[in-house]
Amino acid sequence: MSWKAVGILTALLGFVSMTASLSAHHSRAMFDVNQLVSVEGVVTKVEWRNPHMWVTLASLILHATSPNGRRSSWAWK
């Protein structure tokens, strides 16, 4: 096997091993991925942080079951 092929296979193995750890970084265990929630409102703050961006929304109409029916602020990245 040539050195070029060894280098390509080593790089490929490195990229494949990195994707496994990157997908483990974002767990969905705390979320119900089968429930759709829609929120309408005004974006009040956008924060560009490393490694993620945060968006804060002042909710005007919340299309989800809310026990108290009050306005709320939502933040997500």
PDB file of N, CA and C in Angstrom:
ATOM      1  N   MET A   1       0.859  -1.169   0.000  1.00  0.00           N
ATOM      2  CA  MET A   1       0.000   0.000   0.000  1.00  0.00           C
ATOM      3  C   MET A   1       0.909   1.237   0.000  1.00  0.00           C
ATOM      4  N   SER A   2       0.566   2.205  -0.802  1.00  0.00           N
ATOM      5  CA  SER A   2       1.383   3.414  -0.910  1.00  0.00           C
ATOM      6  C   SER A   2       1.156   4.341   0.283  1.00  0.00           C
ATOM      7  N   TRP A   3       2.110   5.247   0.513  1.00  0.00           N
ATOM      8  CA  TRP A   3       1.993   6.206   1.602  1.00  0.00           C
ATOM      9  C   TRP A   3       0.823   7.152   1.386  1.00  0.00           C
ATOM     10  N   LYS A   4       0.504   7.422   0.135  1.00  0.00           N
ATOM     11  CA  LYS A   4      -0.633   8.307  -0.149  1.00  0.00           C
ATOM     12  C   LYS A   4      -1.942   7.646   0.300  1.00  0.00           C
ATOM     13  N   ALA A   5      -2.077   6.348   0.009  1.00  0.00           N
ATOM     14  CA  ALA A   5      -3.282   5.621   0.412  1.00  0.00           C
ATOM     15  C   ALA A   5      -3.377   5.536   1.930  1.00  0.00           C
ATOM     16  N   VAL A   6      -2.236   5.326   2.608  1.00  0.00           N
ATOM     17  CA  VAL A   6      -2.218   5.266   4.071  1.00  0.00           C
ATOM     18  C   VAL A   6      -2.645   6.615   4.653  1.00  0.00           C
ATOM     19  N   GLY A   7      -2.156   7.709   4.070  1.00  0.00           N
ATOM     20  CA  GLY A   7      -2.529   9.041   4.538  1.00  0.00           C
ATOM     21  C   GLY A   7      -4.009   9.313   4.355  1.00  0.00           C
ATOM     22  N   ILE A   8      -4.538   8.929   3.204  1.00  0.00           N
ATOM     23  CA  ILE A   8      -5.965   9.142   2.932  1.00  0.00           C
ATOM     24  C   ILE A   8      -6.820   8.327   3.892  1.00  0.00           C
ATOM     25  N   LEU A   9      -6.453   7.061   4.112  1.00  0.00           N
ATOM     26  CA  LEU A   9      -7.225   6.219   5.029  1.00  0.00           C
ATOM     27  C   LEU A   9      -7.128   6.737   6.473  1.00  0.00           C
ATOM     28  N   THR A  10      -5.969   7.230   6.867  1.00  0.00           N
ATOM     29  CA  THR A  10      -5.816   7.786   8.216  1.00  0.00           C
ATOM     30  C   THR A  10      -6.687   9.028   8.387  1.00  0.00           C
ATOM     31  N   ALA A  11      -6.683   9.907   7.387  1.00  0.00           N
ATOM     32  CA  ALA A  11      -7.517  11.108   7.455  1.00  0.00           C
ATOM     33  C   ALA A  11      -8.995  10.737   7.495  1.00  0.00           C
ATOM     34  N   LEU A  12      -9.401   9.786   6.685  1.00  0.00           N
ATOM     35  CA  LEU A  12     -10.794   9.343   6.656  1.00  0.00           C
ATOM     36  C   LEU A  12     -11.209   8.761   8.000  1.00  0.00           C
ATOM     37  N   LEU A  13     -10.342   7.951   8.586  1.00  0.00           N
ATOM     38  CA  LEU A  13     -10.633   7.377   9.899  1.00  0.00           C
ATOM     39  C   LEU A  13     -10.749   8.478  10.954  1.00  0.00           C
ATOM     40  N   GLY A  14      -9.903   9.485  10.870  1.00  0.00           N
ATOM     41  CA  GLY A  14      -9.972  10.606  11.804  1.00  0.00           C
ATOM     42  C   GLY A  14     -11.279  11.371  11.688  1.00  0.00           C
ATOM     43  N   PHE A  15     -11.708  11.639  10.451  1.00  0.00           N
ATOM     44  CA  PHE A  15     -12.975  12.362  10.249  1.00  0.00           C
ATOM     45  C   PHE A  15     -14.168  11.552  10.745  1.00  0.00           C
ATOM     46  N   VAL A  16     -14.160  10.256  10.490  1.00  0.00           N
ATOM     47  CA  VAL A  16     -15.265   9.406  10.942  1.00  0.00           C
ATOM     48  C   VAL A  16     -15.327   9.365  12.465  1.00  0.00           C
ATOM     49  N   SER A  17     -14.171   9.291  13.121  1.00  0.00           N
ATOM     50  CA  SER A  17     -14.176   9.243  14.588  1.00  0.00           C
ATOM     51  C   SER A  17     -14.605  10.581  15.184  1.00  0.00           C
ATOM     52  N   MET A  18     -14.336  11.696  14.525  1.00  0.00           N
ATOM     53  CA  MET A  18     -14.757  13.001  15.032  1.00  0.00           C
ATOM     54  C   MET A  18     -16.268  13.178  14.933  1.00  0.00           C
ATOM     55  N   THR A  19     -16.899  12.670  13.885  1.00  0.00           N
ATOM     56  CA  THR A  19     -18.348  12.842  13.744  1.00  0.00           C
ATOM     57  C   THR A  19     -19.104  12.112  14.835  1.00  0.00           C
ATOM     58  N   ALA A  20     -18.581  10.994  15.306  1.00  0.00           N
ATOM     59  CA  ALA A  20     -19.249  10.274  16.390  1.00  0.00           C
ATOM     60  C   ALA A  20     -19.248  11.105  17.665  1.00  0.00           C
ATOM     61  N   SER A  21     -18.138  11.753  17.986  1.00  0.00           N
ATOM     62  CA  SER A  21     -18.092  12.559  19.201  1.00  0.00           C
ATOM     63  C   SER A  21     -18.907  13.841  19.048  1.00  0.00           C
ATOM     64  N   LEU A  22     -18.984  14.404  17.858  1.00  0.00           N
ATOM     65  CA  LEU A  22     -19.777  15.610  17.651  1.00  0.00           C
ATOM     66  C   LEU A  22     -21.269  15.342  17.808  1.00  0.00           C
ATOM     67  N   SER A  23     -21.727  14.197  17.333  1.00  0.00           N
ATOM     68  CA  SER A  23     -23.152  13.891  17.484  1.00  0.00           C
ATOM     69  C   SER A  23     -23.499  13.608  18.938  1.00  0.00           C
ATOM     70  N   ALA A  24     -22.553  13.127  19.711  1.00  0.00           N
ATOM     71  CA  ALA A  24     -22.795  12.888  21.135  1.00  0.00           C
ATOM     72  C   ALA A  24     -22.865  14.188  21.912  1.00  0.00           C
ATOM     73  N   HIS A  25     -22.350  15.269  21.366  1.00  0.00           N
ATOM     74  CA  HIS A  25     -22.348  16.571  22.024  1.00  0.00           C
ATOM     75  C   HIS A  25     -23.767  17.108  22.207  1.00  0.00           C
ATOM     76  N   HIS A  26     -24.668  16.816  21.297  1.00  0.00           N
ATOM     77  CA  HIS A  26     -26.038  17.325  21.348  1.00  0.00           C
ATOM     78  C   HIS A  26     -27.004  16.193  21.676  1.00  0.00           C
ATOM     79  N   SER A  27     -27.356  16.104  22.931  1.00  0.00           N
ATOM     80  CA  SER A  27     -28.293  15.079  23.356  1.00  0.00           C
ATOM     81  C   SER A  27     -29.720  15.605  23.222  1.00  0.00           C
ATOM     82  N   ARG A  28     -30.634  14.746  22.805  1.00  0.00           N
ATOM     83  CA  ARG A  28     -32.052  15.112  22.723  1.00  0.00           C
ATOM     84  C   ARG A  28     -32.847  14.401  23.803  1.00  0.00           C
ATOM     85  N   ALA A  29     -32.163  13.866  24.815  1.00  0.00           N
ATOM     86  CA  ALA A  29     -32.824  13.075  25.844  1.00  0.00           C
ATOM     87  C   ALA A  29     -33.840  13.886  26.646  1.00  0.00           C
ATOM     88  N   MET A  30     -33.612  15.187  26.813  1.00  0.00           N
ATOM     89  CA  MET A  30     -34.502  16.001  27.636  1.00  0.00           C
ATOM     90  C   MET A  30     -35.673  16.587  26.856  1.00  0.00           C
ATOM     91  N   PHE A  31     -35.772  16.292  25.567  1.00  0.00           N
ATOM     92  CA  PHE A  31     -36.809  16.874  24.723  1.00  0.00           C
ATOM     93  C   PHE A  31     -37.729  15.800  24.172  1.00  0.00           C
ATOM     94  N   ASP A  32     -38.983  16.157  23.977  1.00  0.00           N
ATOM     95  CA  ASP A  32     -39.932  15.281  23.292  1.00  0.00           C
ATOM     96  C   ASP A  32     -39.875  15.651  21.812  1.00  0.00           C
ATOM     97  N   VAL A  33     -39.111  14.896  21.026  1.00  0.00           N
ATOM     98  CA  VAL A  33     -38.902  15.235  19.620  1.00  0.00           C
ATOM     99  C   VAL A  33     -40.134  14.930  18.766  1.00  0.00           C
ATOM    100  N   ASN A  34     -41.144  14.297  19.346  1.00  0.00           N
ATOM    101  CA  ASN A  34     -42.363  13.978  18.597  1.00  0.00           C
ATOM    102  C   ASN A  34     -43.448  15.037  18.783  1.00  0.00           C
ATOM    103  N   GLN A  35     -43.233  16.008  19.652  1.00  0.00           N
ATOM    104  CA  GLN A  35     -44.229  17.056  19.891  1.00  0.00           C
ATOM    105  C   GLN A  35     -43.790  18.346  19.207  1.00  0.00           C
ATOM    106  N   LEU A  36     -44.639  18.897  18.367  1.00  0.00           N
ATOM    107  CA  LEU A  36     -44.373  20.149  17.663  1.00  0.00           C
ATOM    108  C   LEU A  36     -44.889  21.313  18.489  1.00  0.00           C
ATOM    109  N   VAL A  37     -44.032  22.307  18.713  1.00  0.00           N
ATOM    110  CA  VAL A  37     -44.413  23.512  19.444  1.00  0.00           C
ATOM    111  C   VAL A  37     -44.142  24.701  18.538  1.00  0.00           C
ATOM    112  N   SER A  38     -45.145  25.555  18.332  1.00  0.00           N
ATOM    113  CA  SER A  38     -44.999  26.760  17.511  1.00  0.00           C
ATOM    114  C   SER A  38     -45.074  27.986  18.406  1.00  0.00           C
ATOM    115  N   VAL A  39     -44.160  28.920  18.176  1.00  0.00           N
ATOM    116  CA  VAL A  39     -44.130  30.148  18.968  1.00  0.00           C
ATOM    117  C   VAL A  39     -44.037  31.317  18.009  1.00  0.00           C
ATOM    118  N   GLU A  40     -44.882  32.336  18.210  1.00  0.00           N
ATOM    119  CA  GLU A  40     -44.801  33.581  17.451  1.00  0.00           C
ATOM    120  C   GLU A  40     -44.460  34.688  18.418  1.00  0.00           C
ATOM    121  N   GLY A  41     -43.628  35.611  17.997  1.00  0.00           N
ATOM    122  CA  GLY A  41     -43.277  36.701  18.882  1.00  0.00           C
ATOM    123  C   GLY A  41     -42.232  37.606  18.264  1.00  0.00           C
ATOM    124  N   VAL A  42     -41.592  38.379  19.110  1.00  0.00           N
ATOM    125  CA  VAL A  42     -40.587  39.349  18.698  1.00  0.00           C
ATOM    126  C   VAL A  42     -39.254  38.913  19.266  1.00  0.00           C
ATOM    127  N   VAL A  43     -38.233  38.861  18.405  1.00  0.00           N
ATOM    128  CA  VAL A  43     -36.894  38.526  18.871  1.00  0.00           C
ATOM    129  C   VAL A  43     -36.381  39.705  19.692  1.00  0.00           C
ATOM    130  N   THR A  44     -36.066  39.456  20.965  1.00  0.00           N
ATOM    131  CA  THR A  44     -35.609  40.523  21.851  1.00  0.00           C
ATOM    132  C   THR A  44     -34.105  40.537  22.040  1.00  0.00           C
ATOM    133  N   LYS A  45     -33.453  39.407  21.797  1.00  0.00           N
ATOM    134  CA  LYS A  45     -32.007  39.368  21.992  1.00  0.00           C
ATOM    135  C   LYS A  45     -31.412  38.230  21.175  1.00  0.00           C
ATOM    136  N   VAL A  46     -30.274  38.484  20.538  1.00  0.00           N
ATOM    137  CA  VAL A  46     -29.499  37.467  19.837  1.00  0.00           C
ATOM    138  C   VAL A  46     -28.083  37.553  20.373  1.00  0.00           C
ATOM    139  N   GLU A  47     -27.569  36.437  20.882  1.00  0.00           N
ATOM    140  CA  GLU A  47     -26.220  36.400  21.438  1.00  0.00           C
ATOM    141  C   GLU A  47     -25.374  35.423  20.638  1.00  0.00           C
ATOM    142  N   TRP A  48     -24.291  35.918  20.068  1.00  0.00           N
ATOM    143  CA  TRP A  48     -23.361  35.073  19.327  1.00  0.00           C
ATOM    144  C   TRP A  48     -22.276  34.628  20.299  1.00  0.00           C
ATOM    145  N   ARG A  49     -22.335  33.393  20.729  1.00  0.00           N
ATOM    146  CA  ARG A  49     -21.370  32.834  21.673  1.00  0.00           C
ATOM    147  C   ARG A  49     -20.732  31.600  21.061  1.00  0.00           C
ATOM    148  N   ASN A  50     -19.563  31.302  21.541  1.00  0.00           N
ATOM    149  CA  ASN A  50     -18.896  30.084  21.105  1.00  0.00           C
ATOM    150  C   ASN A  50     -19.289  28.973  22.066  1.00  0.00           C
ATOM    151  N   PRO A  51     -19.777  27.851  21.661  1.00  0.00           N
ATOM    152  CA  PRO A  51     -19.880  27.354  20.295  1.00  0.00           C
ATOM    153  C   PRO A  51     -21.274  27.500  19.698  1.00  0.00           C
ATOM    154  N   HIS A  52     -22.212  28.122  20.404  1.00  0.00           N
ATOM    155  CA  HIS A  52     -23.592  28.202  19.916  1.00  0.00           C
ATOM    156  C   HIS A  52     -24.110  29.633  19.961  1.00  0.00           C
ATOM    157  N   MET A  53     -25.165  29.860  19.232  1.00  0.00           N
ATOM    158  CA  MET A  53     -25.848  31.151  19.199  1.00  0.00           C
ATOM    159  C   MET A  53     -27.149  31.008  19.992  1.00  0.00           C
ATOM    160  N   TRP A  54     -27.488  31.995  20.815  1.00  0.00           N
ATOM    161  CA  TRP A  54     -28.736  31.986  21.587  1.00  0.00           C
ATOM    162  C   TRP A  54     -29.691  33.025  21.028  1.00  0.00           C
ATOM    163  N   VAL A  55     -30.969  32.667  20.919  1.00  0.00           N
ATOM    164  CA  VAL A  55     -32.015  33.584  20.467  1.00  0.00           C
ATOM    165  C   VAL A  55     -33.072  33.637  21.562  1.00  0.00           C
ATOM    166  N   THR A  56     -33.431  34.841  21.992  1.00  0.00           N
ATOM    167  CA  THR A  56     -34.490  35.023  22.989  1.00  0.00           C
ATOM    168  C   THR A  56     -35.683  35.666  22.290  1.00  0.00           C
ATOM    169  N   LEU A  57     -36.856  35.110  22.510  1.00  0.00           N
ATOM    170  CA  LEU A  57     -38.064  35.551  21.839  1.00  0.00           C
ATOM    171  C   LEU A  57     -39.105  35.938  22.884  1.00  0.00           C
ATOM    172  N   ALA A  58     -39.657  37.136  22.787  1.00  0.00           N
ATOM    173  CA  ALA A  58     -40.777  37.540  23.643  1.00  0.00           C
ATOM    174  C   ALA A  58     -42.043  37.021  22.974  1.00  0.00           C
ATOM    175  N   SER A  59     -42.682  36.075  23.596  1.00  0.00           N
ATOM    176  CA  SER A  59     -43.814  35.385  22.989  1.00  0.00           C
ATOM    177  C   SER A  59     -45.066  36.247  22.999  1.00  0.00           C
ATOM    178  N   LEU A  60     -45.690  36.387  21.846  1.00  0.00           N
ATOM    179  CA  LEU A  60     -46.973  37.093  21.746  1.00  0.00           C
ATOM    180  C   LEU A  60     -48.126  36.095  21.711  1.00  0.00           C
ATOM    181  N   ILE A  61     -47.979  35.060  20.932  1.00  0.00           N
ATOM    182  CA  ILE A  61     -49.007  34.019  20.824  1.00  0.00           C
ATOM    183  C   ILE A  61     -48.297  32.688  20.980  1.00  0.00           C
ATOM    184  N   LEU A  62     -48.703  31.905  21.940  1.00  0.00           N
ATOM    185  CA  LEU A  62     -48.082  30.616  22.192  1.00  0.00           C
ATOM    186  C   LEU A  62     -49.049  29.518  21.760  1.00  0.00           C
ATOM    187  N   HIS A  63     -48.653  28.761  20.749  1.00  0.00           N
ATOM    188  CA  HIS A  63     -49.505  27.684  20.246  1.00  0.00           C
ATOM    189  C   HIS A  63     -49.118  26.373  20.922  1.00  0.00           C
ATOM    190  N   ALA A  64     -49.314  26.318  22.197  1.00  0.00           N
ATOM    191  CA  ALA A  64     -49.040  25.111  22.972  1.00  0.00           C
ATOM    192  C   ALA A  64     -49.908  25.156  24.216  1.00  0.00           C
ATOM    193  N   THR A  65     -50.031  24.039  24.871  1.00  0.00           N
ATOM    194  CA  THR A  65     -50.837  23.999  26.088  1.00  0.00           C
ATOM    195  C   THR A  65     -50.084  24.709  27.209  1.00  0.00           C
ATOM    196  N   SER A  66     -50.686  25.763  27.731  1.00  0.00           N
ATOM    197  CA  SER A  66     -50.087  26.526  28.816  1.00  0.00           C
ATOM    198  C   SER A  66     -51.060  26.527  29.981  1.00  0.00           C
ATOM    199  N   PRO A  67     -50.640  26.048  31.140  1.00  0.00           N
ATOM    200  CA  PRO A  67     -51.589  25.956  32.251  1.00  0.00           C
ATOM    201  C   PRO A  67     -52.086  27.317  32.750  1.00  0.00           C
ATOM    202  N   ASN A  68     -51.262  28.377  32.648  1.00  0.00           N
ATOM    203  CA  ASN A  68     -51.698  29.668  33.166  1.00  0.00           C
ATOM    204  C   ASN A  68     -52.065  30.656  32.069  1.00  0.00           C
ATOM    205  N   GLY A  69     -51.759  30.375  30.794  1.00  0.00           N
ATOM    206  CA  GLY A  69     -52.139  31.225  29.681  1.00  0.00           C
ATOM    207  C   GLY A  69     -51.419  32.561  29.627  1.00  0.00           C
ATOM    208  N   ARG A  70     -50.339  32.733  30.362  1.00  0.00           N
ATOM    209  CA  ARG A  70     -49.620  33.999  30.404  1.00  0.00           C
ATOM    210  C   ARG A  70     -48.569  34.075  29.301  1.00  0.00           C
ATOM    211  N   ARG A  71     -48.150  35.311  28.986  1.00  0.00           N
ATOM    212  CA  ARG A  71     -47.051  35.507  28.052  1.00  0.00           C
ATOM    213  C   ARG A  71     -45.770  34.956  28.668  1.00  0.00           C
ATOM    214  N   SER A  72     -44.885  34.511  27.818  1.00  0.00           N
ATOM    215  CA  SER A  72     -43.649  33.948  28.333  1.00  0.00           C
ATOM    216  C   SER A  72     -42.504  34.280  27.390  1.00  0.00           C
ATOM    217  N   SER A  73     -41.289  34.173  27.895  1.00  0.00           N
ATOM    218  CA  SER A  73     -40.098  34.345  27.068  1.00  0.00           C
ATOM    219  C   SER A  73     -39.487  32.976  26.797  1.00  0.00           C
ATOM    220  N   TRP A  74     -39.092  32.765  25.572  1.00  0.00           N
ATOM    221  CA  TRP A  74     -38.482  31.511  25.170  1.00  0.00           C
ATOM    222  C   TRP A  74     -37.064  31.793  24.713  1.00  0.00           C
ATOM    223  N   ALA A  75     -36.157  30.911  25.031  1.00  0.00           N
ATOM    224  CA  ALA A  75     -34.773  31.030  24.561  1.00  0.00           C
ATOM    225  C   ALA A  75     -34.328  29.668  24.043  1.00  0.00           C
ATOM    226  N   TRP A  76     -33.621  29.687  22.944  1.00  0.00           N
ATOM    227  CA  TRP A  76     -33.095  28.446  22.387  1.00  0.00           C
ATOM    228  C   TRP A  76     -31.824  28.738  21.635  1.00  0.00           C
ATOM    229  N   LYS A  77     -31.079  27.667  21.363  1.00  0.00           N
ATOM    230  CA  LYS A  77     -29.852  27.826  20.602  1.00  0.00           C
ATOM    231  C   LYS A  77     -29.907  27.018  19.344  1.00  0.00           C
TER     232      LYS A  77
END
